[in-house]
Protein backbone atom coordinates (compact mmCIF):
# COMPACT_ATOMS: atom_id res chain seq x y z
CA MET A 1 4.61 25.36 -19.38
CA ASP A 2 5.07 24.25 -22.97
CA ILE A 3 6.58 20.78 -23.49
CA ARG A 4 7.78 19.77 -26.95
CA PHE A 5 9.65 16.86 -28.54
CA ALA A 6 12.38 17.34 -31.12
CA ALA A 7 15.27 15.50 -32.76
CA SER A 8 17.60 18.38 -31.88
CA GLY A 9 17.38 21.62 -29.98
CA SER A 10 19.00 24.31 -27.91
CA GLY A 11 18.17 26.23 -24.77
CA ASP A 12 19.47 27.91 -21.65
CA VAL A 13 20.00 24.70 -19.65
CA VAL A 14 20.47 21.07 -20.66
CA ALA A 15 19.95 18.04 -18.42
CA VAL A 16 21.54 14.64 -19.05
CA MET A 17 21.73 11.31 -17.22
CA ALA A 18 24.33 9.42 -15.25
CA GLY A 19 24.11 6.04 -13.56
CA GLU A 20 25.41 4.96 -10.20
CA GLY A 21 29.17 4.93 -10.15
CA GLY A 22 29.21 8.13 -12.19
CA GLU A 23 28.66 6.34 -15.51
CA LEU A 24 27.65 8.91 -18.12
CA LEU A 25 24.91 7.83 -20.51
CA PRO A 26 25.33 8.52 -24.25
CA ALA A 27 23.85 12.04 -24.32
CA ALA A 28 26.04 13.07 -21.39
CA LYS A 29 29.10 11.45 -22.99
CA ALA A 30 28.53 13.46 -26.15
CA LEU A 31 28.42 16.70 -24.16
CA ASP A 32 31.52 15.72 -22.20
CA THR A 33 33.42 15.06 -25.42
CA ALA A 34 32.33 18.43 -26.84
CA ALA A 35 33.46 20.10 -23.60
CA SER A 36 36.86 18.36 -23.66
CA GLY A 37 36.13 16.26 -20.56
CA ARG A 38 35.10 19.15 -18.33
CA ILE A 39 31.87 17.45 -17.28
CA GLN A 40 33.77 14.45 -15.95
CA LYS A 41 36.13 16.79 -14.10
CA ALA A 42 33.22 18.59 -12.46
CA MET A 43 31.72 15.28 -11.36
CA GLN A 44 34.98 14.19 -9.78
CA ALA A 45 35.36 17.53 -8.00
CA THR A 46 31.96 17.19 -6.29
CA ARG A 47 32.09 13.50 -5.34
CA PHE A 48 29.18 12.82 -7.65
CA THR A 49 28.25 9.13 -7.65
CA GLY A 50 25.20 9.08 -9.90
CA GLY A 51 22.82 8.23 -7.08
CA ALA A 52 19.15 8.85 -7.84
CA GLY A 53 18.46 12.58 -7.69
CA GLN A 54 22.07 13.61 -7.18
CA VAL A 55 22.99 16.67 -9.28
CA VAL A 56 26.12 18.27 -10.68
CA ASP A 57 25.34 21.81 -11.85
CA ILE A 58 27.96 23.15 -14.27
CA LEU A 59 27.85 26.84 -15.14
CA ALA A 60 28.97 28.27 -18.48
CA PRO A 61 30.85 25.15 -19.67
CA GLU A 62 33.42 26.02 -22.29
CA SER A 63 32.76 24.91 -25.90
CA LEU A 64 29.03 24.31 -25.28
CA ASP A 65 26.11 26.51 -26.32
CA PHE A 66 24.28 25.93 -23.03
CA ALA A 67 24.70 28.33 -20.10
CA ARG A 68 24.29 25.42 -17.67
CA VAL A 69 24.61 21.66 -17.77
CA LEU A 70 22.82 19.49 -15.20
CA VAL A 71 24.08 15.95 -14.77
CA ILE A 72 21.41 14.17 -12.73
CA GLY A 73 21.74 10.66 -11.37
CA VAL A 74 19.18 7.93 -12.03
CA GLY A 75 20.75 5.39 -9.64
CA LYS A 76 21.53 1.78 -10.48
CA LEU A 77 20.94 1.33 -14.18
CA ASP A 78 19.86 -2.31 -13.92
CA VAL A 79 16.90 -1.39 -11.69
CA ALA A 80 16.10 2.09 -13.04
CA ASN A 81 12.60 2.30 -14.53
CA GLY A 82 10.10 4.76 -15.92
CA LEU A 83 9.68 6.39 -12.52
CA SER A 84 13.44 6.94 -12.38
CA VAL A 85 13.19 8.90 -15.62
CA GLU A 86 10.21 10.88 -14.33
CA ARG A 87 12.12 11.88 -11.21
CA TRP A 88 15.13 12.77 -13.36
CA GLY A 89 13.02 15.10 -15.51
CA GLY A 90 11.22 16.47 -12.47
CA ALA A 91 14.47 17.17 -10.66
CA ALA A 92 15.72 19.17 -13.64
CA VAL A 93 12.57 21.31 -13.74
CA LYS A 94 12.61 21.94 -9.99
CA ARG A 95 16.28 22.97 -10.22
CA VAL A 96 15.77 25.66 -12.86
CA ALA A 97 12.11 26.69 -12.62
CA ALA A 98 12.80 30.02 -10.90
CA SER A 99 16.47 30.37 -11.86
CA GLY A 100 15.98 32.90 -14.64
CA ALA A 101 16.30 30.27 -17.37
CA GLU A 102 13.43 30.25 -19.86
CA LYS A 103 14.12 27.06 -21.82
CA LEU A 104 15.25 23.68 -20.54
CA VAL A 105 16.44 20.89 -22.81
CA LEU A 106 16.09 17.33 -21.55
CA GLN A 107 18.16 14.63 -23.24
CA PRO A 108 16.86 11.28 -21.91
CA ASP A 109 18.54 8.01 -22.80
CA ASN A 110 17.05 4.57 -22.88
CA LEU A 111 17.73 2.42 -19.82
CA PRO A 112 17.92 -1.38 -19.59
CA GLY A 113 14.24 -1.54 -18.63
CA VAL A 114 13.00 1.55 -20.48
CA SER A 115 12.87 2.07 -24.24
CA LYS A 116 13.92 5.37 -25.80
CA ALA A 117 10.29 6.27 -26.61
CA ASP A 118 9.12 5.46 -23.10
CA ALA A 119 12.05 7.38 -21.62
CA GLY A 120 11.00 10.47 -23.56
CA ALA A 121 7.39 10.17 -22.45
CA HIS A 122 8.34 9.61 -18.82
CA ALA A 123 10.68 12.61 -18.94
CA ALA A 124 7.79 14.74 -20.20
CA LEU A 125 5.46 13.51 -17.47
CA GLY A 126 8.06 14.14 -14.79
CA ALA A 127 8.66 17.67 -16.08
CA ARG A 128 4.94 18.38 -16.19
CA LEU A 129 4.27 17.12 -12.66
CA ALA A 130 7.24 19.01 -11.24
CA ALA A 131 6.10 22.28 -12.80
CA TYR A 132 2.82 22.32 -10.83
CA ARG A 133 2.29 25.23 -8.46
CA PHE A 134 -0.71 26.33 -6.43
CA ASP A 135 -0.29 30.08 -6.20
CA ALA A 136 -3.79 31.31 -6.97
CA TYR A 137 -3.86 33.45 -3.85
CA LYS A 138 -0.39 34.99 -4.12
CA THR A 139 -0.56 38.65 -5.07
CA LYS A 140 3.11 39.50 -4.54
CA GLN A 141 6.24 37.54 -5.34
CA LYS A 142 9.87 38.53 -5.24
CA PRO A 143 11.61 38.28 -8.62
CA GLU A 144 13.64 35.28 -7.46
CA GLN A 145 10.42 33.47 -6.52
CA GLN A 146 8.77 33.92 -9.90
CA VAL A 147 8.83 31.05 -12.34
CA SER A 148 10.97 31.91 -15.31
CA LEU A 149 10.88 28.57 -17.09
CA LYS A 150 8.54 28.76 -20.07
CA SER A 151 9.32 25.67 -22.10
CA VAL A 152 10.90 22.23 -21.96
CA GLU A 153 12.21 20.58 -25.09
CA ILE A 154 12.83 16.85 -25.02
CA VAL A 155 15.55 16.05 -27.52
CA MET A 156 15.81 12.46 -28.73
CA GLU A 157 15.83 10.24 -31.78
CA GLY A 158 12.37 9.37 -33.06
CA PRO A 159 10.41 11.94 -31.04
CA ALA A 160 7.04 11.09 -32.62
CA SER A 161 6.57 7.82 -30.71
CA ALA A 162 7.37 9.48 -27.39
CA ARG A 163 5.01 12.34 -28.22
CA ALA A 164 2.11 9.92 -28.77
CA ARG A 165 2.72 8.21 -25.45
CA ALA A 166 3.02 11.57 -23.67
CA GLU A 167 -0.39 12.65 -24.97
CA GLN A 168 -1.95 9.74 -23.07
CA ASP A 169 0.02 10.65 -19.95
CA GLN A 170 -1.30 14.20 -20.19
CA ALA A 171 -4.71 12.95 -19.04
CA ALA A 172 -3.21 11.46 -15.88
CA ALA A 173 -1.27 14.65 -15.16
CA ASP A 174 -4.37 16.81 -15.62
CA GLY A 175 -6.28 14.54 -13.26
CA VAL A 176 -3.50 14.86 -10.67
CA PHE A 177 -3.55 18.65 -10.99
CA PHE A 178 -7.33 18.71 -10.60
CA ALA A 179 -7.01 16.74 -7.36
CA ARG A 180 -4.12 18.88 -6.08
CA ASP A 181 -6.06 22.07 -6.70
CA LEU A 182 -9.04 20.74 -4.75
CA VAL A 183 -6.95 19.65 -1.77
CA SER A 184 -5.11 22.97 -1.71
CA GLU A 185 -8.18 25.19 -1.65
CA PRO A 186 -8.93 26.78 1.74
CA GLY A 187 -12.04 25.80 3.66
CA ASN A 188 -13.69 29.18 3.18
CA VAL A 189 -13.58 28.66 -0.59
CA LEU A 190 -14.13 24.91 -0.94
CA PHE A 191 -17.11 23.58 1.00
CA PRO A 192 -19.68 20.94 0.05
CA GLU A 193 -21.74 23.11 -2.28
CA SER A 194 -18.78 24.71 -4.08
CA PHE A 195 -16.96 21.37 -4.36
CA ALA A 196 -20.03 19.85 -5.97
CA GLU A 197 -20.36 22.72 -8.43
CA ARG A 198 -16.72 22.37 -9.48
CA LEU A 199 -17.39 18.77 -10.41
CA ARG A 200 -20.00 19.96 -12.91
CA ASP A 201 -17.04 21.00 -15.06
CA LEU A 202 -16.62 17.31 -15.87
CA GLU A 203 -19.88 17.42 -17.83
CA THR A 204 -17.92 19.07 -20.67
CA MET A 205 -15.97 15.79 -20.88
CA ASP A 206 -19.15 13.67 -21.12
CA VAL A 207 -19.19 12.66 -17.46
CA ASP A 208 -22.76 12.51 -16.17
CA ILE A 209 -23.12 14.44 -12.91
CA GLU A 210 -25.88 14.01 -10.34
CA ILE A 211 -25.86 16.01 -7.11
CA LEU A 212 -27.93 14.76 -4.18
CA GLU A 213 -29.03 17.38 -1.66
CA PRO A 214 -29.99 16.78 2.00
CA ALA A 215 -33.71 16.26 1.34
CA THR A 216 -32.97 13.44 -1.08
CA MET A 217 -30.38 11.90 1.22
CA GLU A 218 -32.83 12.02 4.11
CA LYS A 219 -35.40 10.12 2.06
CA LEU A 220 -32.74 7.52 1.29
CA GLY A 221 -32.03 7.10 5.01
CA MET A 222 -28.49 8.50 5.05
CA GLY A 223 -28.54 9.43 8.72
CA ALA A 224 -24.84 8.79 9.28
CA LEU A 225 -23.74 11.15 6.51
CA LEU A 226 -26.25 13.86 7.43
CA GLY A 227 -25.38 13.56 11.11
CA VAL A 228 -21.81 14.65 10.45
CA ALA A 229 -22.98 17.67 8.44
CA GLN A 230 -25.66 18.94 10.81
CA GLY A 231 -23.37 21.27 12.79
CA SER A 232 -22.33 23.29 9.72
CA VAL A 233 -24.06 26.11 7.86
CA HIS A 234 -22.91 24.35 4.69
CA PRO A 235 -25.28 21.47 3.88
CA ALA A 236 -24.00 18.08 2.72
CA ARG A 237 -23.81 16.96 -0.87
CA LEU A 238 -23.40 13.54 -2.47
CA VAL A 239 -22.05 13.78 -6.01
CA VAL A 240 -22.34 10.92 -8.49
CA MET A 241 -20.00 11.02 -11.51
CA SER A 242 -20.71 8.43 -14.20
CA TRP A 243 -18.44 7.61 -17.12
CA LYS A 244 -19.79 5.09 -19.63
CA GLY A 245 -16.99 4.22 -22.00
CA ALA A 246 -17.60 0.48 -22.43
CA ARG A 247 -19.33 -0.92 -25.50
CA SER A 248 -22.35 -1.75 -23.35
CA LYS A 249 -23.49 1.27 -21.37
CA GLN A 250 -25.47 -1.12 -19.15
CA ALA A 251 -22.42 -3.17 -18.15
CA ARG A 252 -21.75 -3.13 -14.41
CA PRO A 253 -19.32 -0.37 -13.50
CA LEU A 254 -16.33 -0.16 -11.23
CA ALA A 255 -17.26 2.05 -8.26
CA LEU A 256 -14.89 4.60 -6.72
CA VAL A 257 -15.94 6.25 -3.45
CA GLY A 258 -14.21 9.22 -1.83
CA LYS A 259 -14.34 10.81 1.60
CA GLY A 260 -14.89 14.54 1.21
CA VAL A 261 -14.75 16.35 4.53
CA THR A 262 -14.01 19.83 3.20
CA PHE A 263 -12.93 20.96 6.66
CA ASP A 264 -12.70 18.84 9.77
CA THR A 265 -12.65 20.56 13.15
CA GLY A 266 -13.47 17.25 14.80
CA GLY A 267 -16.95 18.51 15.67
CA ILE A 268 -17.85 18.46 19.36
CA SER A 269 -14.85 16.14 19.88
CA ILE A 270 -12.78 19.06 18.68
CA LYS A 271 -9.20 18.67 17.50
CA PRO A 272 -6.21 20.47 19.06
CA SER A 273 -5.60 23.84 17.41
CA GLY A 274 -2.04 23.04 16.36
CA GLY A 275 -2.08 21.83 12.77
CA MET A 276 -5.85 22.08 12.38
CA GLU A 277 -5.33 24.20 9.26
CA ASP A 278 -4.26 21.02 7.48
CA MET A 279 -7.79 19.71 7.83
CA LYS A 280 -8.77 21.60 4.70
CA GLY A 281 -7.21 18.53 3.05
CA ASP A 282 -9.51 16.01 4.69
CA MET A 283 -11.24 15.63 1.35
CA GLY A 284 -8.18 14.07 -0.32
CA GLY A 285 -10.08 10.86 -1.08
CA ALA A 286 -12.88 12.74 -2.84
CA ALA A 287 -10.27 14.77 -4.75
CA ALA A 288 -8.53 11.58 -5.89
CA VAL A 289 -11.79 10.10 -7.14
CA ALA A 290 -12.64 13.33 -8.96
CA GLY A 291 -9.16 13.48 -10.51
CA ALA A 292 -9.36 9.86 -11.63
CA MET A 293 -12.76 10.46 -13.24
CA ARG A 294 -11.29 13.42 -15.12
CA ALA A 295 -8.30 11.36 -16.28
CA ILE A 296 -10.34 8.46 -17.64
CA ALA A 297 -12.82 10.79 -19.34
CA GLN A 298 -10.03 12.82 -20.93
CA ARG A 299 -8.40 9.73 -22.40
CA LYS A 300 -11.81 8.18 -23.18
CA ALA A 301 -11.25 4.97 -21.25
CA LYS A 302 -13.18 1.98 -22.58
CA ALA A 303 -14.75 1.13 -19.23
CA ASN A 304 -17.80 1.99 -17.17
CA VAL A 305 -16.83 3.74 -13.95
CA VAL A 306 -18.92 5.54 -11.34
CA GLY A 307 -17.36 7.90 -8.83
CA VAL A 308 -19.25 8.89 -5.69
CA VAL A 309 -18.00 11.55 -3.29
CA ALA A 310 -19.61 12.31 0.07
CA LEU A 311 -19.11 15.99 0.89
CA VAL A 312 -19.60 17.46 4.37
CA GLU A 313 -18.07 20.02 6.71
CA ASN A 314 -17.58 18.79 10.28
CA MET A 315 -18.20 21.74 12.60
CA PRO A 316 -19.07 22.18 16.32
CA GLY A 317 -22.22 24.25 15.79
CA ALA A 318 -25.27 24.54 18.02
CA ASN A 319 -26.92 21.74 16.07
CA ALA A 320 -23.81 19.56 15.88
CA GLN A 321 -23.88 15.84 16.46
CA ARG A 322 -23.07 14.88 20.07
CA PRO A 323 -20.95 12.04 21.41
CA GLY A 324 -23.43 9.34 22.38
CA ASP A 325 -25.86 10.05 19.54
CA ILE A 326 -27.19 7.04 17.63
CA VAL A 327 -27.76 7.39 13.89
CA HIS A 328 -29.55 5.25 11.33
CA THR A 329 -27.74 4.41 8.10
CA MET A 330 -29.06 3.72 4.61
CA SER A 331 -28.20 0.05 5.12
CA GLY A 332 -30.62 -0.11 8.08
CA GLN A 333 -27.79 -0.58 10.58
CA THR A 334 -27.40 1.80 13.52
CA ILE A 335 -24.24 3.46 14.80
CA GLU A 336 -23.46 4.86 18.23
CA VAL A 337 -21.24 7.91 17.71
CA LEU A 338 -18.73 7.92 20.56
CA ASN A 339 -16.35 10.37 18.91
CA THR A 340 -17.48 12.98 16.39
CA ASP A 341 -13.91 13.20 15.05
CA ALA A 342 -14.25 9.69 13.65
CA GLU A 343 -16.57 11.17 11.02
CA GLY A 344 -15.07 9.91 7.77
CA ARG A 345 -16.24 6.37 8.33
CA LEU A 346 -19.76 7.66 9.02
CA ILE A 347 -20.13 9.44 5.69
CA LEU A 348 -18.51 6.54 3.84
CA ALA A 349 -20.96 4.08 5.42
CA ASP A 350 -23.86 5.67 3.57
CA ALA A 351 -21.90 6.40 0.39
CA LEU A 352 -20.68 2.80 0.12
CA TRP A 353 -24.14 1.39 0.61
CA TYR A 354 -25.65 3.83 -1.87
CA VAL A 355 -23.24 2.97 -4.67
CA GLN A 356 -23.79 -0.76 -4.20
CA ASP A 357 -27.55 -0.41 -3.95
CA LYS A 358 -27.91 1.76 -7.05
CA PHE A 359 -25.19 0.53 -9.41
CA ASN A 360 -24.44 -3.11 -8.47
CA PRO A 361 -20.75 -2.55 -9.26
CA VAL A 362 -18.20 -5.22 -10.18
CA ALA A 363 -16.00 -3.91 -7.36
CA VAL A 364 -15.86 -1.00 -4.93
CA ILE A 365 -12.74 0.97 -4.00
CA ASP A 366 -12.90 3.74 -1.43
CA LEU A 367 -10.20 6.30 -0.70
CA ALA A 368 -10.09 8.34 2.47
CA THR A 369 -7.80 10.39 4.66
CA LEU A 370 -9.28 8.28 7.39
CA THR A 371 -6.91 7.80 10.33
CA GLY A 372 -3.84 9.33 11.92
CA ALA A 373 -2.94 5.79 12.92
CA ILE A 374 -1.99 4.96 9.32
CA ILE A 375 0.65 7.71 9.44
CA THR A 376 2.04 6.19 12.62
CA ALA A 377 2.21 2.81 10.89
CA LEU A 378 3.38 3.73 7.39
CA GLY A 379 4.54 7.34 7.51
CA HIS A 380 4.17 9.31 4.28
CA GLU A 381 5.53 6.60 1.97
CA HIS A 382 2.65 4.13 1.57
CA ALA A 383 -1.12 4.22 1.74
CA GLY A 384 -2.79 1.50 3.77
CA LEU A 385 -4.70 -1.14 1.81
CA PHE A 386 -7.49 -3.24 3.29
CA SER A 387 -9.52 -5.62 1.17
CA ASN A 388 -11.77 -8.66 1.12
CA ASP A 389 -10.49 -9.77 -2.31
CA GLU A 390 -7.03 -11.14 -3.14
CA ASP A 391 -7.13 -10.45 -6.90
CA LEU A 392 -8.26 -6.87 -6.42
CA SER A 393 -5.58 -6.32 -3.80
CA GLN A 394 -2.81 -7.58 -6.06
CA ALA A 395 -4.06 -5.44 -8.94
CA ILE A 396 -4.01 -2.33 -6.74
CA ILE A 397 -0.55 -3.14 -5.40
CA GLY A 398 0.76 -3.61 -8.95
CA ALA A 399 -0.80 -0.38 -10.23
CA GLY A 400 0.65 1.53 -7.31
CA GLN A 401 4.15 0.18 -7.94
CA ILE A 402 4.05 1.18 -11.61
CA GLU A 403 2.79 4.69 -10.91
CA GLY A 404 4.89 5.50 -7.86
CA GLU A 405 1.88 5.48 -5.52
CA PRO A 406 2.69 2.46 -3.33
CA VAL A 407 0.30 0.75 -0.94
CA TRP A 408 0.88 -1.69 1.91
CA ARG A 409 -1.73 -4.29 2.69
CA LEU A 410 -2.82 -4.62 6.31
CA PRO A 411 -5.02 -7.31 7.86
CA LEU A 412 -8.70 -7.58 8.65
CA GLY A 413 -10.19 -10.08 11.07
CA PRO A 414 -12.90 -10.90 13.60
CA GLY A 415 -10.73 -9.88 16.54
CA TYR A 416 -10.65 -6.33 15.24
CA ASP A 417 -14.28 -6.41 14.19
CA LYS A 418 -15.64 -7.20 17.63
CA GLN A 419 -13.98 -4.06 18.98
CA ILE A 420 -16.76 -1.95 17.48
CA ASP A 421 -19.62 -3.93 19.03
CA THR A 422 -21.74 -1.97 21.53
CA PRO A 423 -24.81 -2.83 23.62
CA ASN A 424 -26.52 0.39 22.54
CA ALA A 425 -26.60 -0.01 18.74
CA ASP A 426 -25.43 -2.30 15.95
CA MET A 427 -21.95 -0.82 16.23
CA LYS A 428 -19.96 2.12 17.58
CA ASN A 429 -17.72 4.32 15.48
CA ILE A 430 -14.51 3.84 17.51
CA SER A 431 -13.11 0.98 19.53
CA GLY A 432 -11.99 3.09 22.48
CA LYS A 433 -8.60 1.33 22.44
CA PRO A 434 -5.35 2.99 21.34
CA ALA A 435 -4.08 0.15 19.14
CA GLY A 436 -4.97 -0.86 15.59
CA GLY A 437 -6.98 2.24 14.81
CA SER A 438 -6.65 2.02 11.03
CA ILE A 439 -7.65 -1.65 11.00
CA VAL A 440 -10.67 -1.05 13.23
CA ALA A 441 -11.78 1.78 10.93
CA ALA A 442 -11.51 -0.56 7.93
CA GLN A 443 -13.51 -3.22 9.81
CA PHE A 444 -16.19 -0.60 10.36
CA LEU A 445 -16.39 0.12 6.62
CA LYS A 446 -16.49 -3.59 5.81
CA ARG A 447 -19.82 -3.84 7.63
CA PHE A 448 -21.28 -1.74 4.83
CA ILE A 449 -20.03 -3.97 2.01
CA LYS A 450 -22.55 -6.46 0.71
CA ASP A 451 -21.67 -10.15 0.62
CA GLY A 452 -19.94 -11.08 -2.62
CA THR A 453 -18.82 -7.56 -3.53
CA PRO A 454 -15.05 -7.23 -4.07
CA TRP A 455 -13.96 -4.22 -2.03
CA ALA A 456 -10.78 -2.35 -1.18
CA HIS A 457 -10.23 0.55 1.19
CA LEU A 458 -7.23 2.86 0.79
CA ASP A 459 -6.34 4.94 3.84
CA ILE A 460 -4.41 7.83 2.27
CA ALA A 461 -4.03 10.05 5.35
CA GLY A 462 -0.24 9.93 5.02
CA THR A 463 -0.01 10.31 1.26
CA ALA A 464 -2.72 12.76 0.14
CA TRP A 465 -0.57 15.60 1.42
CA LYS A 466 2.95 15.68 2.78
CA PRO A 467 4.61 18.06 5.22
CA GLY A 468 7.54 20.18 4.13
CA PRO A 469 10.33 20.10 3.54
CA TYR A 470 9.67 16.83 1.73
CA GLU A 471 11.97 16.08 -1.19
CA ASP A 472 9.92 14.69 -4.04
CA PRO A 473 10.69 16.17 -7.46
CA LEU A 474 7.27 15.15 -8.81
CA SER A 475 5.18 16.75 -6.09
CA PRO A 476 4.79 20.04 -4.26
CA THR A 477 5.23 20.19 -0.50
CA TRP A 478 1.50 20.06 0.20
CA ALA A 479 -1.11 18.32 -1.98
CA THR A 480 0.16 15.32 -3.93
CA GLY A 481 -2.91 14.18 -5.87
CA TYR A 482 -2.18 10.67 -4.57
CA GLY A 483 -4.53 8.03 -5.90
CA VAL A 484 -5.27 9.51 -9.32
CA ARG A 485 -2.46 7.74 -11.14
CA LEU A 486 -3.03 4.50 -9.24
CA LEU A 487 -6.74 4.42 -10.12
CA ASN A 488 -6.15 5.44 -13.71
CA ARG A 489 -3.59 2.64 -14.13
CA LEU A 490 -5.80 0.09 -12.37
CA ILE A 491 -8.70 0.89 -14.69
CA ALA A 492 -6.45 0.64 -17.76
CA ASN A 493 -4.96 -2.68 -16.64
CA ARG A 494 -8.01 -4.43 -15.22
CA TYR A 495 -11.31 -2.89 -16.28
CA GLU A 496 -10.95 -1.57 -19.82
CA GLU A 497 -12.12 -3.62 -22.78
């Protein structure tokens, strides 16, 4: 979909803003005046209050060149922000994408906390994110299901400044789309080898790619990671993506680590059949890391960042790992595997140690669709944050708030840690108790973080994909690409020169 900026324009549909209480913003007021007050009358007839996302859809308004006018609420004006504008633009695109209209005109206004230029850029980003579709495997669509919208024109004073800002946002959007595509692919198409090969595409953007195969991982002692993969015909891969954008290419990087279980049956501890198809998305953490690496490379971030994704398929084959097996990790620690469906923490154990051992990073952040318990705790609104570093935690929380990818910090502590002690090995991979599952999983990962290394773990099981119907104008029903924008913002705010 083509997105352009202009000082004036025309199209099939125009979208304007209103605040809570039905207050029309200047662009909407101008249209209402031209239409002899008919927009206000339509708002009153539908009990429109200007609440965020609320829409009045006016067909063929007299005296206007547009076939439709959308008045979309942005909520309370004194607290509306850039995300409010993004959702406004996204709501407009979602409303008309398959309506038969070919051109949408967005007329954003500045808000108390958002300049005119920023409003235009946010409107563009919202429109772009809302236009995403994953329909690669659809061979037939009814006419009313086909996307008709071809272009969006953002009409505002001084469009050049908004256009420049939007070009930077394009990198974030492309990274989100890259992640969404990966999460949406079925398990018979995306498996460890094919996932790894797709990441080679980043080499065209000057990202260095190294792919470790099982023989190399075995020499490194990655018994936990390889143990998860041994039941599948698809061998494991560990992919290292390196971006060196800082002045000193030898400067210590930020490390991002992603869980990439391309399909998770649970292994021998097999999952119930209902909903198992969703487990094609159990690589959402790896997808987020890959999308973030694409975003920072595309915008040429002035920072050194390494992304490591551990890729396996967890299957109940004849050679599959058994409950009760004990595996050796790269760190030298041993793990008793009591449940083969607690596999994400096993592959992360070796990936976390590897990235610290090889790159000596300034900080490590891992992302994983790790536990169902985090959905019980936080639903689909927040990711769970666990960390050993206060400054890093606050930076992540702030980045998430700005980008609309919120996190909620949860505790760590010795009481949780002792729940994974076992007489048979250095630790076990589950506690065996029904409570605090997400915290216990984070405590497990913490045992693979070296002393003095700032670390944060994001459990994104509730945010990497969302069940439908789920009303979010910026996201499809399924894969969200959660984590890409947060990481991109964090790097820009904290790690770039």
